[in-house]
Amino acid sequence: MSDCCKAENVHLQTFSKEVEHAMCCHRDELLSVARSVCQCTHKLGTTNQLQVDI
């Protein structure tokens, strides 16, 4: 698993078995407890960050 997948994550989702990437969501208290900052680490090594409501 990628480094973002740790115990403090709200949840972990594996999206696509074809590309084997995962989204690890963290609480971001600067935004709100209902919003998280998610880091998607792809198989090719690229990393994207996005904000989602959970």
PDB file of N, CA and C in Angstrom:
ATOM      1  N   MET A   1       0.828  -1.190   0.000  1.00  0.00           N
ATOM      2  CA  MET A   1       0.000   0.000   0.000  1.00  0.00           C
ATOM      3  C   MET A   1       0.874   1.256   0.000  1.00  0.00           C
ATOM      4  N   SER A   2       0.297   2.345  -0.408  1.00  0.00           N
ATOM      5  CA  SER A   2       1.045   3.590  -0.449  1.00  0.00           C
ATOM      6  C   SER A   2       1.187   4.162   0.958  1.00  0.00           C
ATOM      7  N   ASP A   3       2.041   5.178   1.085  1.00  0.00           N
ATOM      8  CA  ASP A   3       2.329   5.762   2.393  1.00  0.00           C
ATOM      9  C   ASP A   3       1.126   6.466   2.998  1.00  0.00           C
ATOM     10  N   CYS A   4       0.159   6.844   2.157  1.00  0.00           N
ATOM     11  CA  CYS A   4      -0.992   7.565   2.680  1.00  0.00           C
ATOM     12  C   CYS A   4      -1.967   6.634   3.386  1.00  0.00           C
ATOM     13  N   CYS A   5      -1.779   5.343   3.241  1.00  0.00           N
ATOM     14  CA  CYS A   5      -2.729   4.393   3.820  1.00  0.00           C
ATOM     15  C   CYS A   5      -2.297   4.031   5.228  1.00  0.00           C
ATOM     16  N   LYS A   6      -2.702   4.849   6.187  1.00  0.00           N
ATOM     17  CA  LYS A   6      -2.298   4.640   7.569  1.00  0.00           C
ATOM     18  C   LYS A   6      -3.519   4.579   8.464  1.00  0.00           C
ATOM     19  N   ALA A   7      -3.271   4.337   9.741  1.00  0.00           N
ATOM     20  CA  ALA A   7      -4.366   4.114  10.687  1.00  0.00           C
ATOM     21  C   ALA A   7      -5.257   5.329  10.855  1.00  0.00           C
ATOM     22  N   GLU A   8      -4.701   6.533  10.627  1.00  0.00           N
ATOM     23  CA  GLU A   8      -5.500   7.731  10.847  1.00  0.00           C
ATOM     24  C   GLU A   8      -6.418   8.035   9.670  1.00  0.00           C
ATOM     25  N   ASN A   9      -6.359   7.218   8.631  1.00  0.00           N
ATOM     26  CA  ASN A   9      -7.243   7.445   7.497  1.00  0.00           C
ATOM     27  C   ASN A   9      -8.690   7.204   7.885  1.00  0.00           C
ATOM     28  N   VAL A  10      -9.580   7.998   7.304  1.00  0.00           N
ATOM     29  CA  VAL A  10     -10.996   7.787   7.529  1.00  0.00           C
ATOM     30  C   VAL A  10     -11.432   6.492   6.851  1.00  0.00           C
ATOM     31  N   HIS A  11     -11.017   6.315   5.602  1.00  0.00           N
ATOM     32  CA  HIS A  11     -11.293   5.067   4.919  1.00  0.00           C
ATOM     33  C   HIS A  11     -10.362   4.903   3.733  1.00  0.00           C
ATOM     34  N   LEU A  12     -10.317   3.693   3.212  1.00  0.00           N
ATOM     35  CA  LEU A  12      -9.486   3.369   2.064  1.00  0.00           C
ATOM     36  C   LEU A  12     -10.355   2.703   1.018  1.00  0.00           C
ATOM     37  N   GLN A  13     -10.262   3.183  -0.215  1.00  0.00           N
ATOM     38  CA  GLN A  13     -11.027   2.581  -1.286  1.00  0.00           C
ATOM     39  C   GLN A  13     -10.100   2.222  -2.440  1.00  0.00           C
ATOM     40  N   THR A  14     -10.257   1.027  -2.964  1.00  0.00           N
ATOM     41  CA  THR A  14      -9.549   0.645  -4.174  1.00  0.00           C
ATOM     42  C   THR A  14     -10.528   0.781  -5.330  1.00  0.00           C
ATOM     43  N   PHE A  15     -10.195   1.652  -6.265  1.00  0.00           N
ATOM     44  CA  PHE A  15     -11.136   2.003  -7.315  1.00  0.00           C
ATOM     45  C   PHE A  15     -11.101   1.041  -8.490  1.00  0.00           C
ATOM     46  N   SER A  16      -9.935   0.837  -9.032  1.00  0.00           N
ATOM     47  CA  SER A  16      -9.832   0.164 -10.315  1.00  0.00           C
ATOM     48  C   SER A  16      -8.771  -0.912 -10.247  1.00  0.00           C
ATOM     49  N   LYS A  17      -9.174  -2.143 -10.451  1.00  0.00           N
ATOM     50  CA  LYS A  17      -8.221  -3.240 -10.422  1.00  0.00           C
ATOM     51  C   LYS A  17      -7.297  -3.203 -11.640  1.00  0.00           C
ATOM     52  N   GLU A  18      -7.721  -2.499 -12.692  1.00  0.00           N
ATOM     53  CA  GLU A  18      -6.897  -2.427 -13.890  1.00  0.00           C
ATOM     54  C   GLU A  18      -5.648  -1.583 -13.659  1.00  0.00           C
ATOM     55  N   VAL A  19      -5.807  -0.476 -12.925  1.00  0.00           N
ATOM     56  CA  VAL A  19      -4.667   0.405 -12.698  1.00  0.00           C
ATOM     57  C   VAL A  19      -4.146   0.310 -11.271  1.00  0.00           C
ATOM     58  N   GLU A  20      -4.891  -0.379 -10.412  1.00  0.00           N
ATOM     59  CA  GLU A  20      -4.462  -0.646  -9.037  1.00  0.00           C
ATOM     60  C   GLU A  20      -4.120   0.630  -8.284  1.00  0.00           C
ATOM     61  N   HIS A  21      -5.037   1.590  -8.270  1.00  0.00           N
ATOM     62  CA  HIS A  21      -4.795   2.778  -7.465  1.00  0.00           C
ATOM     63  C   HIS A  21      -5.807   2.831  -6.325  1.00  0.00           C
ATOM     64  N   ALA A  22      -5.448   3.581  -5.316  1.00  0.00           N
ATOM     65  CA  ALA A  22      -6.278   3.637  -4.120  1.00  0.00           C
ATOM     66  C   ALA A  22      -6.437   5.072  -3.682  1.00  0.00           C
ATOM     67  N   MET A  23      -7.540   5.351  -3.016  1.00  0.00           N
ATOM     68  CA  MET A  23      -7.761   6.680  -2.453  1.00  0.00           C
ATOM     69  C   MET A  23      -7.775   6.565  -0.941  1.00  0.00           C
ATOM     70  N   CYS A  24      -6.891   7.314  -0.308  1.00  0.00           N
ATOM     71  CA  CYS A  24      -6.801   7.301   1.148  1.00  0.00           C
ATOM     72  C   CYS A  24      -7.278   8.650   1.658  1.00  0.00           C
ATOM     73  N   CYS A  25      -8.314   8.611   2.470  1.00  0.00           N
ATOM     74  CA  CYS A  25      -8.932   9.857   2.906  1.00  0.00           C
ATOM     75  C   CYS A  25      -8.522  10.185   4.333  1.00  0.00           C
ATOM     76  N   HIS A  26      -8.123  11.437   4.525  1.00  0.00           N
ATOM     77  CA  HIS A  26      -7.719  11.919   5.839  1.00  0.00           C
ATOM     78  C   HIS A  26      -8.644  13.043   6.271  1.00  0.00           C
ATOM     79  N   ARG A  27      -8.897  13.129   7.556  1.00  0.00           N
ATOM     80  CA  ARG A  27      -9.644  14.277   8.074  1.00  0.00           C
ATOM     81  C   ARG A  27      -8.779  15.528   7.976  1.00  0.00           C
ATOM     82  N   ASP A  28      -9.375  16.598   7.514  1.00  0.00           N
ATOM     83  CA  ASP A  28      -8.674  17.876   7.447  1.00  0.00           C
ATOM     84  C   ASP A  28      -9.446  18.868   8.300  1.00  0.00           C
ATOM     85  N   GLU A  29      -8.982  19.077   9.516  1.00  0.00           N
ATOM     86  CA  GLU A  29      -9.723  19.913  10.460  1.00  0.00           C
ATOM     87  C   GLU A  29      -9.696  21.383  10.072  1.00  0.00           C
ATOM     88  N   LEU A  30      -8.811  21.765   9.155  1.00  0.00           N
ATOM     89  CA  LEU A  30      -8.819  23.138   8.667  1.00  0.00           C
ATOM     90  C   LEU A  30     -10.034  23.390   7.797  1.00  0.00           C
ATOM     91  N   LEU A  31     -10.569  22.352   7.194  1.00  0.00           N
ATOM     92  CA  LEU A  31     -11.774  22.503   6.383  1.00  0.00           C
ATOM     93  C   LEU A  31     -12.985  22.230   7.253  1.00  0.00           C
ATOM     94  N   SER A  32     -13.202  20.966   7.577  1.00  0.00           N
ATOM     95  CA  SER A  32     -14.270  20.577   8.485  1.00  0.00           C
ATOM     96  C   SER A  32     -14.115  19.089   8.752  1.00  0.00           C
ATOM     97  N   VAL A  33     -14.809  18.595   9.749  1.00  0.00           N
ATOM     98  CA  VAL A  33     -14.726  17.174  10.042  1.00  0.00           C
ATOM     99  C   VAL A  33     -15.469  16.352   8.999  1.00  0.00           C
ATOM    100  N   ALA A  34     -16.327  17.028   8.228  1.00  0.00           N
ATOM    101  CA  ALA A  34     -17.106  16.321   7.223  1.00  0.00           C
ATOM    102  C   ALA A  34     -16.407  16.286   5.867  1.00  0.00           C
ATOM    103  N   ARG A  35     -15.275  16.945   5.774  1.00  0.00           N
ATOM    104  CA  ARG A  35     -14.557  16.987   4.506  1.00  0.00           C
ATOM    105  C   ARG A  35     -13.179  16.366   4.699  1.00  0.00           C
ATOM    106  N   SER A  36     -12.698  15.714   3.705  1.00  0.00           N
ATOM    107  CA  SER A  36     -11.396  15.074   3.825  1.00  0.00           C
ATOM    108  C   SER A  36     -10.539  15.416   2.618  1.00  0.00           C
ATOM    109  N   VAL A  37      -9.251  15.306   2.797  1.00  0.00           N
ATOM    110  CA  VAL A  37      -8.307  15.487   1.699  1.00  0.00           C
ATOM    111  C   VAL A  37      -7.835  14.096   1.295  1.00  0.00           C
ATOM    112  N   CYS A  38      -8.061  13.774   0.037  1.00  0.00           N
ATOM    113  CA  CYS A  38      -7.760  12.423  -0.418  1.00  0.00           C
ATOM    114  C   CYS A  38      -6.588  12.443  -1.371  1.00  0.00           C
ATOM    115  N   GLN A  39      -5.721  11.482  -1.179  1.00  0.00           N
ATOM    116  CA  GLN A  39      -4.562  11.367  -2.050  1.00  0.00           C
ATOM    117  C   GLN A  39      -4.680  10.069  -2.831  1.00  0.00           C
ATOM    118  N   CYS A  40      -4.646  10.194  -4.138  1.00  0.00           N
ATOM    119  CA  CYS A  40      -4.751   9.016  -4.986  1.00  0.00           C
ATOM    120  C   CYS A  40      -3.373   8.678  -5.535  1.00  0.00           C
ATOM    121  N   THR A  41      -2.871   7.527  -5.153  1.00  0.00           N
ATOM    122  CA  THR A  41      -1.569   7.096  -5.623  1.00  0.00           C
ATOM    123  C   THR A  41      -1.772   6.024  -6.690  1.00  0.00           C
ATOM    124  N   HIS A  42      -1.328   6.307  -7.888  1.00  0.00           N
ATOM    125  CA  HIS A  42      -1.557   5.407  -9.006  1.00  0.00           C
ATOM    126  C   HIS A  42      -0.397   4.424  -9.166  1.00  0.00           C
ATOM    127  N   LYS A  43      -0.656   3.369  -9.900  1.00  0.00           N
ATOM    128  CA  LYS A  43       0.329   2.328 -10.116  1.00  0.00           C
ATOM    129  C   LYS A  43       1.570   2.876 -10.815  1.00  0.00           C
ATOM    130  N   LEU A  44       1.375   3.870 -11.674  1.00  0.00           N
ATOM    131  CA  LEU A  44       2.493   4.426 -12.416  1.00  0.00           C
ATOM    132  C   LEU A  44       3.323   5.392 -11.583  1.00  0.00           C
ATOM    133  N   GLY A  45       2.883   5.680 -10.368  1.00  0.00           N
ATOM    134  CA  GLY A  45       3.659   6.528  -9.487  1.00  0.00           C
ATOM    135  C   GLY A  45       3.190   7.970  -9.443  1.00  0.00           C
ATOM    136  N   THR A  46       2.212   8.324 -10.256  1.00  0.00           N
ATOM    137  CA  THR A  46       1.698   9.682 -10.214  1.00  0.00           C
ATOM    138  C   THR A  46       0.769   9.842  -9.024  1.00  0.00           C
ATOM    139  N   THR A  47       0.694  11.042  -8.490  1.00  0.00           N
ATOM    140  CA  THR A  47      -0.131  11.299  -7.323  1.00  0.00           C
ATOM    141  C   THR A  47      -1.021  12.502  -7.579  1.00  0.00           C
ATOM    142  N   ASN A  48      -2.289  12.359  -7.267  1.00  0.00           N
ATOM    143  CA  ASN A  48      -3.235  13.452  -7.371  1.00  0.00           C
ATOM    144  C   ASN A  48      -3.889  13.667  -6.020  1.00  0.00           C
ATOM    145  N   GLN A  49      -4.233  14.915  -5.726  1.00  0.00           N
ATOM    146  CA  GLN A  49      -4.955  15.200  -4.503  1.00  0.00           C
ATOM    147  C   GLN A  49      -6.282  15.850  -4.849  1.00  0.00           C
ATOM    148  N   LEU A  50      -7.315  15.471  -4.116  1.00  0.00           N
ATOM    149  CA  LEU A  50      -8.622  16.047  -4.330  1.00  0.00           C
ATOM    150  C   LEU A  50      -9.373  16.108  -3.021  1.00  0.00           C
ATOM    151  N   GLN A  51     -10.411  16.921  -2.986  1.00  0.00           N
ATOM    152  CA  GLN A  51     -11.223  17.045  -1.787  1.00  0.00           C
ATOM    153  C   GLN A  51     -12.576  16.408  -2.040  1.00  0.00           C
ATOM    154  N   VAL A  52     -13.032  15.629  -1.087  1.00  0.00           N
ATOM    155  CA  VAL A  52     -14.329  14.978  -1.215  1.00  0.00           C
ATOM    156  C   VAL A  52     -15.099  15.123   0.084  1.00  0.00           C
ATOM    157  N   ASP A  53     -16.403  15.076  -0.011  1.00  0.00           N
ATOM    158  CA  ASP A  53     -17.249  15.040   1.176  1.00  0.00           C
ATOM    159  C   ASP A  53     -17.514  13.595   1.542  1.00  0.00           C
ATOM    160  N   ILE A  54     -17.392  13.280   2.826  1.00  0.00           N
ATOM    161  CA  ILE A  54     -17.638  11.913   3.273  1.00  0.00           C
ATOM    162  C   ILE A  54     -18.601  11.921   4.435  1.00  0.00           C
TER     163      ILE A  54
END
